[in-house]
Amino acid sequence: MLRSLSFVAVLSSLALLSPASAEEPPLAAFHGTWLLENDRFEQVWDGKTVEVLTIPNHVTECEPLNTVGSVLCQVSAGDFTGHILWTTNGPDESVRHQSHFGTSRLGVGQGELDDDGNLRLTIQFSDEPEGTYRFYEYVWNGHNRYTMLSTQYGQDGEPTGNYYKGSWVRAGMQ
């Protein structure tokens, strides 16, 4: 009996010393329910014409998966739905991105978290011109609000003028 108690005590001590238990998961700030602030979304798809859209009931639910470095975000914006999967091995590691929206918008890319938890990613999408990519910036404005800006770049590495952006607030904090 004493022997098995000692083994349990050692395991418990190791768990307490584990870095994962001492720190919050790298993507934990995104966990929760997020609402598009003021239902306002801005986009440019022709390189010049700014459209301001009202998207009521735009909800993003982000939950951890069964590993410390994974987050699955399910997006519901009326008829437009999709999901985003972010994974990382830790705060000093790259973040991998995979997403799918609508019927044909598959996104794959990677990026990194900075020291403030801001997430920057380079992503290619299956429904955009070959050789183009988007640079995403998720920037925190306090604990309960972030802005997202997606800027499209052409094959030459120059911005095309196309972008979309919005701000999200944690549900219950708007």
Protein backbone atom coordinates (compact mmCIF):
# COMPACT_ATOMS: atom_id res chain seq x y z
CA MET A 1 0.00 0.00 0.00
CA LEU A 2 2.79 2.44 0.94
CA ARG A 3 4.54 1.67 -2.32
CA SER A 4 1.49 2.55 -4.46
CA LEU A 5 0.89 5.74 -2.48
CA SER A 6 4.49 6.81 -3.11
CA PHE A 7 4.06 6.20 -6.84
CA VAL A 8 0.87 8.32 -6.87
CA ALA A 9 2.66 11.07 -4.90
CA VAL A 10 5.51 11.14 -7.42
CA LEU A 11 3.07 11.33 -10.36
CA SER A 12 1.13 14.12 -8.66
CA SER A 13 4.34 16.06 -8.02
CA LEU A 14 5.39 15.71 -11.66
CA ALA A 15 2.01 16.98 -12.82
CA LEU A 16 2.37 20.04 -10.59
CA LEU A 17 5.80 20.77 -12.06
CA SER A 18 4.63 20.36 -15.65
CA PRO A 19 4.95 23.59 -17.69
CA ALA A 20 1.57 22.91 -19.33
CA SER A 21 -0.18 23.01 -15.97
CA ALA A 22 1.57 26.23 -14.91
CA GLU A 23 0.68 28.20 -18.05
CA GLU A 24 -2.44 28.89 -20.02
CA PRO A 25 -2.58 27.14 -23.42
CA PRO A 26 -1.10 29.39 -26.17
CA LEU A 27 -4.43 29.94 -27.98
CA ALA A 28 -6.64 30.06 -24.86
CA ALA A 29 -7.46 33.76 -25.29
CA PHE A 30 -9.60 32.79 -28.29
CA HIS A 31 -11.69 30.28 -26.31
CA GLY A 32 -15.32 31.28 -25.94
CA THR A 33 -18.18 32.80 -27.89
CA TRP A 34 -17.44 35.83 -30.08
CA LEU A 35 -19.90 38.24 -31.71
CA LEU A 36 -19.21 40.55 -34.65
CA GLU A 37 -19.13 43.99 -33.05
CA ASN A 38 -22.09 46.15 -34.12
CA ASP A 39 -22.82 43.51 -36.82
CA ARG A 40 -20.34 45.49 -38.98
CA PHE A 41 -18.02 43.89 -41.53
CA GLU A 42 -16.01 45.71 -44.20
CA GLN A 43 -14.66 44.25 -47.42
CA VAL A 44 -13.12 45.03 -50.82
CA TRP A 45 -13.24 42.37 -53.55
CA ASP A 46 -12.41 44.43 -56.69
CA GLY A 47 -9.33 46.23 -55.37
CA LYS A 48 -11.13 49.55 -54.83
CA THR A 49 -14.82 49.47 -53.80
CA VAL A 50 -15.33 49.40 -50.04
CA GLU A 51 -18.48 47.59 -48.98
CA VAL A 52 -19.77 47.87 -45.42
CA LEU A 53 -21.99 44.92 -44.58
CA THR A 54 -24.38 44.42 -41.71
CA ILE A 55 -24.24 40.76 -40.64
CA PRO A 56 -26.64 40.14 -37.75
CA ASN A 57 -26.14 37.04 -35.60
CA HIS A 58 -22.53 36.46 -36.70
CA VAL A 59 -21.34 34.07 -33.98
CA THR A 60 -17.96 32.35 -33.63
CA GLU A 61 -17.65 29.56 -31.05
CA CYS A 62 -14.01 28.70 -30.23
CA GLU A 63 -13.32 25.68 -28.04
CA PRO A 64 -10.20 23.75 -27.08
CA LEU A 65 -9.88 20.26 -28.47
CA ASN A 66 -8.29 17.30 -26.71
CA THR A 67 -4.75 18.70 -26.99
CA VAL A 68 -3.35 21.77 -25.25
CA GLY A 69 -2.37 23.55 -28.46
CA SER A 70 -5.55 23.11 -30.53
CA VAL A 71 -8.60 25.34 -30.98
CA LEU A 72 -11.61 24.74 -33.21
CA CYS A 73 -13.72 27.78 -34.11
CA GLN A 74 -17.14 27.22 -35.67
CA VAL A 75 -18.52 30.24 -37.49
CA SER A 76 -22.19 30.88 -38.14
CA ALA A 77 -23.12 33.99 -40.10
CA GLY A 78 -26.60 33.36 -41.45
CA ASP A 79 -26.34 31.21 -44.58
CA PHE A 80 -22.54 31.41 -44.47
CA THR A 81 -20.94 28.86 -42.15
CA GLY A 82 -17.53 27.37 -41.68
CA HIS A 83 -14.79 26.42 -39.27
CA ILE A 84 -11.18 27.22 -38.44
CA LEU A 85 -8.70 24.86 -36.80
CA TRP A 86 -5.57 26.33 -35.23
CA THR A 87 -2.85 24.11 -33.77
CA THR A 88 0.51 24.80 -32.17
CA ASN A 89 3.06 22.95 -30.06
CA GLY A 90 3.61 25.93 -27.79
CA PRO A 91 3.94 29.71 -27.48
CA ASP A 92 7.29 29.74 -29.29
CA GLU A 93 6.14 27.47 -32.12
CA SER A 94 4.37 28.26 -35.39
CA VAL A 95 0.58 28.12 -35.53
CA ARG A 96 -0.92 25.94 -38.26
CA HIS A 97 -4.23 26.96 -39.85
CA GLN A 98 -6.83 24.94 -41.73
CA SER A 99 -10.31 26.22 -42.51
CA HIS A 100 -13.34 25.53 -44.65
CA PHE A 101 -16.18 27.96 -45.40
CA GLY A 102 -19.26 27.65 -47.57
CA THR A 103 -19.00 24.90 -50.17
CA SER A 104 -15.55 25.57 -51.64
CA ARG A 105 -13.37 27.89 -49.54
CA LEU A 106 -10.60 25.71 -48.15
CA GLY A 107 -7.76 27.61 -46.42
CA VAL A 108 -4.35 26.31 -45.41
CA GLY A 109 -1.48 28.24 -43.87
CA GLN A 110 0.65 29.05 -40.89
CA GLY A 111 1.85 31.91 -38.76
CA GLU A 112 2.79 32.83 -35.24
CA LEU A 113 1.66 34.36 -31.98
CA ASP A 114 3.56 37.38 -30.72
CA ASP A 115 4.31 38.11 -27.04
CA ASP A 116 0.94 39.90 -26.68
CA GLY A 117 -1.03 36.95 -28.08
CA ASN A 118 -1.71 38.61 -31.43
CA LEU A 119 -1.96 36.03 -34.20
CA ARG A 120 -0.53 36.61 -37.69
CA LEU A 121 -1.01 34.03 -40.44
CA THR A 122 -0.29 33.61 -44.14
CA ILE A 123 -3.06 31.56 -45.79
CA GLN A 124 -3.80 30.32 -49.30
CA PHE A 125 -7.44 29.69 -50.31
CA SER A 126 -8.74 27.22 -52.86
CA ASP A 127 -11.27 29.69 -54.31
CA GLU A 128 -8.87 32.60 -54.90
CA PRO A 129 -6.51 33.06 -57.88
CA GLU A 130 -3.55 30.68 -57.91
CA GLY A 131 -0.41 32.17 -56.41
CA THR A 132 -2.31 34.66 -54.26
CA TYR A 133 -2.40 34.50 -50.49
CA ARG A 134 -3.85 36.40 -47.58
CA PHE A 135 -2.11 37.83 -44.57
CA TYR A 136 -4.35 37.67 -41.49
CA GLU A 137 -3.86 39.72 -38.37
CA TYR A 138 -5.84 39.03 -35.20
CA VAL A 139 -4.93 41.87 -32.84
CA TRP A 140 -6.16 42.07 -29.25
CA ASN A 141 -7.77 45.27 -27.97
CA GLY A 142 -8.12 44.18 -24.35
CA HIS A 143 -9.07 40.74 -23.04
CA ASN A 144 -12.56 40.68 -24.57
CA ARG A 145 -12.10 42.25 -28.02
CA TYR A 146 -9.98 41.62 -31.09
CA THR A 147 -9.85 42.92 -34.63
CA MET A 148 -9.22 40.75 -37.67
CA LEU A 149 -7.82 42.09 -40.93
CA SER A 150 -7.28 39.86 -43.96
CA THR A 151 -5.24 41.44 -46.78
CA GLN A 152 -4.86 39.70 -50.15
CA TYR A 153 -1.45 39.62 -51.89
CA GLY A 154 -0.80 38.76 -55.53
CA GLN A 155 1.78 36.43 -57.04
CA ASP A 156 4.23 39.35 -57.05
CA GLY A 157 3.96 39.70 -53.25
CA GLU A 158 2.22 43.08 -53.54
CA PRO A 159 -1.18 43.87 -51.98
CA THR A 160 -4.05 43.57 -54.49
CA GLY A 161 -6.24 46.10 -52.67
CA ASN A 162 -8.66 43.36 -51.60
CA TYR A 163 -9.28 42.91 -47.90
CA TYR A 164 -11.91 42.22 -45.29
CA LYS A 165 -12.03 43.14 -41.64
CA GLY A 166 -14.12 43.33 -38.51
CA SER A 167 -13.97 43.45 -34.74
CA TRP A 168 -15.23 40.75 -32.41
CA VAL A 169 -16.30 40.99 -28.78
CA ARG A 170 -16.66 38.21 -26.26
CA ALA A 171 -20.34 37.34 -25.74
CA GLY A 172 -21.72 39.12 -22.68
CA MET A 173 -19.10 41.90 -22.92
CA GLN A 174 -20.63 44.03 -25.69
